[in-house]
Amino acid sequence: MENLNQEKLQRIDKQIEAEQKPVSFDVREFTVEIYVQKYLDGLEKDDNELYIPDYQREFVWDNKHQSRFIESLILGLPVPFIFAAEIRENGRLEIVDGSQRIRTMAAFLKDELELSGLEKLTELNNTKYSQLPIARQRLIKNIAIRMVVLSSKATEDVRNEMFDRINTSSVPLLPMETRRGIYKGRFTNLIIELAKDKEYKKLCPISKYMENRREEEELLLRFFAFCDCYPSFKKVESMGVSAYLDDYLKEKNDTCTEEEMESKRKSFKQMVSYVAKAYPGQGFAKKKGVTGISKPYFEAISIGVHQALLEQSTLPVKAPKELILNKQEKTPFSVQVEGRYRTHTAKKIKERIDIVKNAFLKI
């Protein structure tokens, strides 16, 4: 094999050095108590030191998954590092990977999580943190977990690259990518078609990584599926969102008629057109200039608007004041879409959609 010439080797070294500069990081180690404190302190005002970006706000772990993680901590089993990125402008730490773990630890210490389904520590089943002896509580709070922190010199592109590499190191498929391969049919084709709609894409400011992972299709599937089961979401809660969407897509591929597809296409276009006018330059983002879509927020706005248009097709085009998010002021709507913990109970889904629906009907 031919050796590389000196000029080529110099270019390689120069490129490596240039790309390494913004990727500097360090490894830190905090206890469970400190992680929870950094996450909870300032959470009400969205000013917590360790925070979850909008695109990761959906909490998807069920009780068994959460309990198993707590069990692993108590047993002293190795758990994955938490990855975060320092934000230069405010000194906060954006969680890149580990949001489910952080929220599970917080829920357990706040007594919101009752352990269940444990196969090793079976005596802990049906137990909450406060029921344990003080000595055991302290031992749990003092368990240490490592965190890799990307330097504040890293740009948003570098943070996205880090997120991409973490989540594709073993090439796992996201739910919508899997559905494309398993649930083929006319309704899946409709989702793919409408997700390419130019106006809809403008309303969805997402990273290239999430776009490539079919995030716009996932959001659209949620829109149709949740519209169809409104106002009762008990099946969503009992099955879990992912399983419910799988079931819905499979059924629609088997049963959806041309007339129904045309009706859904029309509803989609009507909703998108209205949101584009009511939220110019913002779309489905929580505020202008933000990259990343919060699923609870998207569901509330898109389905709430759709339901309002069903009742009053000539709605005034205006974003209601009570739906404008301001981290300095808590409102019923902001509480419903903050996506902290158990975001998809039947009650929470309906409440956030109804808040939007009623706000638009009152304009």
Protein backbone atom coordinates (compact mmCIF):
# COMPACT_ATOMS: atom_id res chain seq x y z
CA MET A 1 0.00 0.00 0.00
CA GLU A 2 1.34 3.42 -0.96
CA ASN A 3 2.48 5.67 1.93
CA LEU A 4 0.80 9.03 2.40
CA ASN A 5 2.93 11.99 1.39
CA GLN A 6 4.03 14.66 3.88
CA GLU A 7 1.52 17.24 2.64
CA LYS A 8 -1.39 14.82 3.12
CA LEU A 9 -0.21 13.92 6.65
CA GLN A 10 0.00 17.60 7.58
CA ARG A 11 -3.53 18.19 6.34
CA ILE A 12 -4.75 15.21 8.42
CA ASP A 13 -3.08 16.56 11.58
CA LYS A 14 -4.43 20.06 10.98
CA GLN A 15 -7.97 18.79 10.48
CA ILE A 16 -7.89 16.59 13.59
CA GLU A 17 -6.63 19.48 15.73
CA ALA A 18 -9.30 21.82 14.36
CA GLU A 19 -12.13 19.37 14.99
CA GLN A 20 -10.88 18.42 18.47
CA LYS A 21 -11.00 21.96 19.85
CA PRO A 22 -14.80 22.25 20.28
CA VAL A 23 -15.14 18.63 21.43
CA SER A 24 -13.21 18.99 24.69
CA PHE A 25 -14.94 17.41 27.69
CA ASP A 26 -14.38 16.30 31.24
CA VAL A 27 -15.78 13.54 33.42
CA ARG A 28 -17.52 14.49 36.67
CA GLU A 29 -19.02 12.37 39.40
CA PHE A 30 -22.07 13.39 41.43
CA THR A 31 -24.27 11.58 43.89
CA VAL A 32 -27.93 10.80 43.22
CA GLU A 33 -28.86 13.56 45.68
CA ILE A 34 -26.80 16.18 43.81
CA TYR A 35 -28.21 15.19 40.41
CA VAL A 36 -31.74 15.51 41.77
CA GLN A 37 -30.95 18.83 43.43
CA LYS A 38 -29.40 20.27 40.28
CA TYR A 39 -32.46 19.14 38.30
CA LEU A 40 -35.16 20.28 40.73
CA ASP A 41 -33.75 23.60 42.01
CA GLY A 42 -35.10 26.28 39.67
CA LEU A 43 -37.27 23.81 37.73
CA GLU A 44 -40.44 25.86 38.32
CA LYS A 45 -38.89 28.85 36.55
CA ASP A 46 -37.08 26.74 33.95
CA ASP A 47 -33.79 27.92 35.42
CA ASN A 48 -32.51 24.64 36.86
CA GLU A 49 -28.79 24.01 36.47
CA LEU A 50 -29.27 20.55 34.96
CA TYR A 51 -32.06 20.84 32.41
CA ILE A 52 -33.82 18.82 29.74
CA PRO A 53 -34.16 20.41 26.27
CA ASP A 54 -37.60 20.49 24.65
CA TYR A 55 -36.93 17.72 22.16
CA GLN A 56 -36.34 15.30 25.05
CA ARG A 57 -39.24 16.43 27.27
CA GLU A 58 -41.44 13.39 26.79
CA PHE A 59 -41.11 10.95 29.66
CA VAL A 60 -41.48 7.43 28.24
CA TRP A 61 -40.28 5.03 30.94
CA ASP A 62 -43.02 2.98 32.57
CA ASN A 63 -43.03 1.95 36.24
CA LYS A 64 -41.19 -1.29 35.59
CA HIS A 65 -38.40 0.43 33.67
CA GLN A 66 -38.02 3.08 36.35
CA SER A 67 -38.05 0.49 39.15
CA ARG A 68 -35.43 -1.61 37.39
CA PHE A 69 -33.12 1.41 37.12
CA ILE A 70 -33.49 2.20 40.84
CA GLU A 71 -32.84 -1.48 41.59
CA SER A 72 -29.64 -1.35 39.53
CA LEU A 73 -28.44 1.66 41.53
CA ILE A 74 -29.17 0.01 44.87
CA LEU A 75 -27.44 -3.22 43.81
CA GLY A 76 -24.38 -1.25 42.71
CA LEU A 77 -24.61 -2.45 39.11
CA PRO A 78 -22.89 -0.37 36.42
CA VAL A 79 -25.25 2.15 34.80
CA PRO A 80 -24.55 4.24 31.68
CA PHE A 81 -22.83 7.60 32.03
CA ILE A 82 -25.01 10.69 31.84
CA PHE A 83 -23.98 13.01 29.01
CA ALA A 84 -24.43 16.77 29.25
CA ALA A 85 -23.24 19.92 27.51
CA GLU A 86 -22.23 23.17 29.18
CA ILE A 87 -24.09 26.17 27.77
CA ARG A 88 -21.74 29.14 27.59
CA GLU A 89 -24.43 31.85 27.79
CA ASN A 90 -25.88 30.79 31.15
CA GLY A 91 -23.56 28.14 32.59
CA ARG A 92 -26.36 25.55 32.69
CA LEU A 93 -25.92 21.89 31.80
CA GLU A 94 -28.11 20.58 28.96
CA ILE A 95 -28.79 16.87 29.30
CA VAL A 96 -27.83 15.20 26.03
CA ASP A 97 -28.42 11.63 27.19
CA GLY A 98 -29.91 10.60 30.55
CA SER A 99 -33.15 12.55 30.90
CA GLN A 100 -35.19 9.44 31.77
CA ARG A 101 -32.67 8.45 34.47
CA ILE A 102 -32.54 11.93 36.01
CA ARG A 103 -36.33 12.19 36.21
CA THR A 104 -36.63 8.67 37.62
CA MET A 105 -34.17 9.50 40.43
CA ALA A 106 -36.08 12.73 41.16
CA ALA A 107 -39.44 10.92 41.15
CA PHE A 108 -38.13 8.28 43.55
CA LEU A 109 -36.68 10.76 46.03
CA LYS A 110 -39.90 12.83 45.84
CA ASP A 111 -42.04 9.74 46.59
CA GLU A 112 -43.76 9.91 43.20
CA LEU A 113 -42.48 6.46 42.25
CA GLU A 114 -43.54 3.24 43.94
CA LEU A 115 -41.21 0.38 43.06
CA SER A 116 -42.80 -2.58 41.27
CA GLY A 117 -41.93 -5.59 39.13
CA LEU A 118 -38.51 -6.11 40.75
CA GLU A 119 -37.11 -9.60 40.29
CA LYS A 120 -33.99 -9.37 42.47
CA LEU A 121 -34.97 -7.06 45.32
CA THR A 122 -38.51 -8.43 45.54
CA GLU A 123 -38.96 -7.15 49.11
CA LEU A 124 -38.81 -3.60 47.73
CA ASN A 125 -41.87 -4.08 45.52
CA ASN A 126 -44.76 -1.76 46.46
CA THR A 127 -42.34 0.42 48.43
CA LYS A 128 -41.65 4.16 48.28
CA TYR A 129 -38.46 5.98 49.22
CA SER A 130 -39.89 7.59 52.39
CA GLN A 131 -40.84 4.16 53.76
CA LEU A 132 -37.21 3.05 53.89
CA PRO A 133 -35.07 3.51 57.02
CA ILE A 134 -33.15 6.81 57.16
CA ALA A 135 -29.85 4.91 56.89
CA ARG A 136 -30.98 3.25 53.63
CA GLN A 137 -32.26 6.57 52.28
CA ARG A 138 -28.85 8.12 52.88
CA LEU A 139 -27.06 5.22 51.21
CA ILE A 140 -29.25 5.64 48.11
CA LYS A 141 -28.78 9.42 48.00
CA ASN A 142 -25.00 8.96 48.18
CA ILE A 143 -24.73 6.57 45.22
CA ALA A 144 -22.36 8.13 42.68
CA ILE A 145 -22.92 8.27 38.92
CA ARG A 146 -20.49 9.64 36.37
CA MET A 147 -21.33 12.35 33.87
CA VAL A 148 -19.45 13.33 30.71
CA VAL A 149 -19.69 17.09 30.23
CA LEU A 150 -19.01 18.62 26.83
CA SER A 151 -17.14 21.93 27.12
CA SER A 152 -18.99 25.24 26.81
CA LYS A 153 -16.85 25.91 23.72
CA ALA A 154 -18.97 23.36 21.84
CA THR A 155 -21.47 24.79 19.36
CA GLU A 156 -25.04 23.54 18.97
CA ASP A 157 -23.87 21.58 15.92
CA VAL A 158 -21.28 19.79 18.04
CA ARG A 159 -23.91 19.02 20.71
CA ASN A 160 -26.20 17.58 18.02
CA GLU A 161 -23.30 15.53 16.68
CA MET A 162 -22.67 14.19 20.17
CA PHE A 163 -26.35 13.30 20.57
CA ASP A 164 -26.31 11.59 17.16
CA ARG A 165 -23.22 9.51 17.93
CA ILE A 166 -24.48 8.45 21.38
CA ASN A 167 -27.83 7.37 20.00
CA THR A 168 -26.51 5.64 16.89
CA SER A 169 -23.46 3.89 18.35
CA SER A 170 -25.40 0.63 18.19
CA VAL A 171 -27.72 1.91 15.43
CA PRO A 172 -30.99 1.56 17.37
CA LEU A 173 -34.10 2.36 15.38
CA LEU A 174 -36.51 4.94 16.71
CA PRO A 175 -40.18 3.82 16.80
CA MET A 176 -41.17 5.58 13.57
CA GLU A 177 -38.24 4.10 11.69
CA THR A 178 -39.30 0.64 12.85
CA ARG A 179 -42.94 1.25 11.90
CA ARG A 180 -41.94 2.21 8.36
CA GLY A 181 -40.45 -1.22 7.90
CA ILE A 182 -43.09 -3.28 9.71
CA TYR A 183 -46.40 -1.51 9.09
CA LYS A 184 -46.45 -0.86 5.39
CA GLY A 185 -49.65 0.23 3.72
CA ARG A 186 -51.75 3.07 2.42
CA PHE A 187 -52.02 4.92 5.73
CA THR A 188 -48.27 4.73 6.35
CA ASN A 189 -47.82 6.15 2.84
CA LEU A 190 -50.19 9.00 3.71
CA ILE A 191 -48.11 9.84 6.80
CA ILE A 192 -44.92 9.85 4.72
CA GLU A 193 -46.55 12.02 2.06
CA LEU A 194 -47.96 14.63 4.45
CA ALA A 195 -44.75 14.81 6.50
CA LYS A 196 -43.08 16.26 3.39
CA ASP A 197 -45.62 19.12 3.18
CA LYS A 198 -43.57 22.34 2.92
CA GLU A 199 -45.78 24.40 5.22
CA TYR A 200 -45.81 21.65 7.86
CA LYS A 201 -42.02 21.28 7.74
CA LYS A 202 -41.63 25.04 8.30
CA LEU A 203 -43.69 24.70 11.45
CA CYS A 204 -41.39 21.96 12.79
CA PRO A 205 -37.96 23.43 13.64
CA ILE A 206 -36.05 20.24 14.41
CA SER A 207 -32.42 19.24 14.10
CA LYS A 208 -31.20 17.39 11.03
CA TYR A 209 -30.61 14.35 13.22
CA MET A 210 -34.26 14.21 14.34
CA GLU A 211 -35.46 14.89 10.79
CA ASN A 212 -33.44 11.94 9.54
CA ARG A 213 -34.95 9.77 12.27
CA ARG A 214 -38.51 10.49 10.97
CA GLU A 215 -39.52 12.83 13.80
CA GLU A 216 -41.97 14.75 11.58
CA GLU A 217 -43.71 11.49 10.69
CA GLU A 218 -43.86 10.49 14.36
CA LEU A 219 -45.52 13.80 15.27
CA LEU A 220 -48.01 13.46 12.44
CA LEU A 221 -48.94 9.91 13.45
CA ARG A 222 -49.60 11.18 16.97
CA PHE A 223 -51.83 13.92 15.57
CA PHE A 224 -54.08 11.50 13.71
CA ALA A 225 -54.06 8.79 16.39
CA PHE A 226 -54.88 11.16 19.26
CA CYS A 227 -57.49 13.00 17.20
CA ASP A 228 -59.26 9.70 16.56
CA CYS A 229 -59.40 8.63 20.21
CA TYR A 230 -60.32 12.05 21.63
CA PRO A 231 -61.78 12.63 24.22
CA SER A 232 -60.82 9.36 25.97
CA PHE A 233 -57.15 8.40 26.17
CA LYS A 234 -57.43 5.45 28.55
CA LYS A 235 -56.20 3.05 25.89
CA VAL A 236 -53.12 5.22 25.27
CA GLU A 237 -52.30 5.18 28.98
CA SER A 238 -52.91 1.45 29.44
CA MET A 239 -50.95 0.37 26.36
CA GLY A 240 -48.27 3.04 26.42
CA VAL A 241 -47.88 5.61 23.63
CA SER A 242 -45.54 3.59 21.42
CA ALA A 243 -47.64 0.39 21.51
CA TYR A 244 -50.81 2.38 20.97
CA LEU A 245 -49.35 4.09 17.88
CA ASP A 246 -48.20 0.72 16.52
CA ASP A 247 -51.69 -0.70 16.98
CA TYR A 248 -53.35 2.36 15.44
CA LEU A 249 -51.09 2.40 12.37
CA LYS A 250 -51.58 -1.33 11.74
CA GLU A 251 -55.36 -0.97 12.01
CA LYS A 252 -55.51 2.07 9.71
CA ASN A 253 -53.42 0.35 7.07
CA ASP A 254 -55.99 -2.46 7.09
CA THR A 255 -59.20 -0.44 7.29
CA CYS A 256 -58.69 3.15 6.11
CA THR A 257 -60.76 3.99 3.01
CA GLU A 258 -59.93 6.54 0.33
CA GLU A 259 -62.71 8.77 1.71
CA GLU A 260 -61.26 8.66 5.22
CA MET A 261 -57.76 9.38 3.98
CA GLU A 262 -59.01 12.37 2.02
CA SER A 263 -60.83 13.60 5.14
CA LYS A 264 -57.65 13.28 7.20
CA ARG A 265 -55.62 15.03 4.51
CA LYS A 266 -58.11 17.92 4.59
CA SER A 267 -58.06 18.13 8.42
CA PHE A 268 -54.26 18.15 8.41
CA LYS A 269 -54.07 20.94 5.82
CA GLN A 270 -56.66 23.01 7.67
CA MET A 271 -54.83 22.65 11.01
CA VAL A 272 -51.42 23.42 9.51
CA SER A 273 -52.72 26.47 7.67
CA TYR A 274 -54.29 27.86 10.84
CA VAL A 275 -51.22 27.25 13.04
CA ALA A 276 -48.97 28.88 10.42
CA LYS A 277 -51.08 32.06 10.61
CA ALA A 278 -51.64 32.03 14.37
CA TYR A 279 -47.97 31.32 15.20
CA PRO A 280 -45.91 33.02 12.43
CA GLY A 281 -42.19 32.32 12.72
CA GLN A 282 -42.81 29.96 15.65
CA GLY A 283 -44.98 27.08 14.49
CA PHE A 284 -44.97 24.13 16.88
CA ALA A 285 -41.93 25.31 18.83
CA LYS A 286 -42.60 26.63 22.32
CA LYS A 287 -41.19 29.99 21.30
CA LYS A 288 -39.55 31.64 18.30
CA GLY A 289 -35.96 30.69 17.54
CA VAL A 290 -36.06 27.37 19.41
CA THR A 291 -34.91 24.15 17.72
CA GLY A 292 -36.70 21.03 18.89
CA ILE A 293 -40.35 20.07 19.30
CA SER A 294 -41.86 19.13 22.66
CA LYS A 295 -44.29 16.29 21.94
CA PRO A 296 -46.75 17.24 24.72
CA TYR A 297 -46.80 20.82 23.38
CA PHE A 298 -47.20 19.68 19.77
CA GLU A 299 -50.08 17.39 20.69
CA ALA A 300 -51.82 20.12 22.65
CA ILE A 301 -51.56 22.78 19.94
CA SER A 302 -52.21 20.62 16.86
CA ILE A 303 -55.10 18.58 18.28
CA GLY A 304 -56.53 21.48 20.29
CA VAL A 305 -56.65 23.61 17.13
CA HIS A 306 -58.18 20.73 15.17
CA GLN A 307 -60.91 20.20 17.76
CA ALA A 308 -61.65 23.93 17.89
CA LEU A 309 -61.93 24.08 14.09
CA LEU A 310 -64.35 21.17 14.12
CA GLU A 311 -66.66 23.20 16.36
CA GLN A 312 -66.06 26.57 14.69
CA SER A 313 -64.54 26.46 11.22
CA THR A 314 -64.11 30.26 11.00
CA LEU A 315 -61.99 30.85 14.09
CA PRO A 316 -60.32 34.27 14.40
CA VAL A 317 -56.64 33.83 13.59
CA LYS A 318 -54.83 34.70 16.79
CA ALA A 319 -52.71 32.95 19.42
CA PRO A 320 -54.57 33.19 22.78
CA LYS A 321 -52.63 34.97 25.55
CA GLU A 322 -53.17 32.10 27.99
CA LEU A 323 -51.23 29.78 25.65
CA ILE A 324 -48.12 31.98 25.44
CA LEU A 325 -45.35 30.40 27.52
CA ASN A 326 -43.32 32.54 29.88
CA LYS A 327 -40.92 30.75 32.19
CA GLN A 328 -41.37 33.51 34.76
CA GLU A 329 -45.11 32.85 35.04
CA LYS A 330 -46.82 29.53 35.68
CA THR A 331 -50.15 28.98 33.93
CA PRO A 332 -52.46 25.96 33.71
CA PHE A 333 -51.22 25.42 30.14
CA SER A 334 -47.50 25.70 30.95
CA VAL A 335 -47.90 23.16 33.77
CA GLN A 336 -49.63 20.72 31.40
CA VAL A 337 -46.96 20.88 28.67
CA GLU A 338 -43.78 21.09 30.74
CA GLY A 339 -43.29 17.34 30.28
CA ARG A 340 -41.57 16.60 33.56
CA TYR A 341 -42.93 13.23 34.57
CA ARG A 342 -45.56 10.77 33.30
CA THR A 343 -46.51 13.04 30.44
CA HIS A 344 -49.02 10.70 28.81
CA THR A 345 -51.59 9.77 31.39
CA ALA A 346 -55.12 9.90 29.95
CA LYS A 347 -55.99 12.84 32.20
CA LYS A 348 -52.95 14.94 31.24
CA ILE A 349 -53.39 14.39 27.49
CA LYS A 350 -57.04 15.45 27.55
CA GLU A 351 -56.45 18.40 29.85
CA ARG A 352 -53.75 20.00 27.73
CA ILE A 353 -55.72 19.50 24.52
CA ASP A 354 -58.88 20.95 26.09
CA ILE A 355 -57.02 24.00 27.40
CA VAL A 356 -55.93 24.79 23.83
CA LYS A 357 -59.29 24.00 22.29
CA ASN A 358 -61.22 26.18 24.74
CA ALA A 359 -58.69 29.03 24.50
CA PHE A 360 -59.13 29.24 20.72
CA LEU A 361 -62.92 28.97 20.93
CA LYS A 362 -62.97 31.93 23.35
CA ILE A 363 -61.01 34.30 21.07
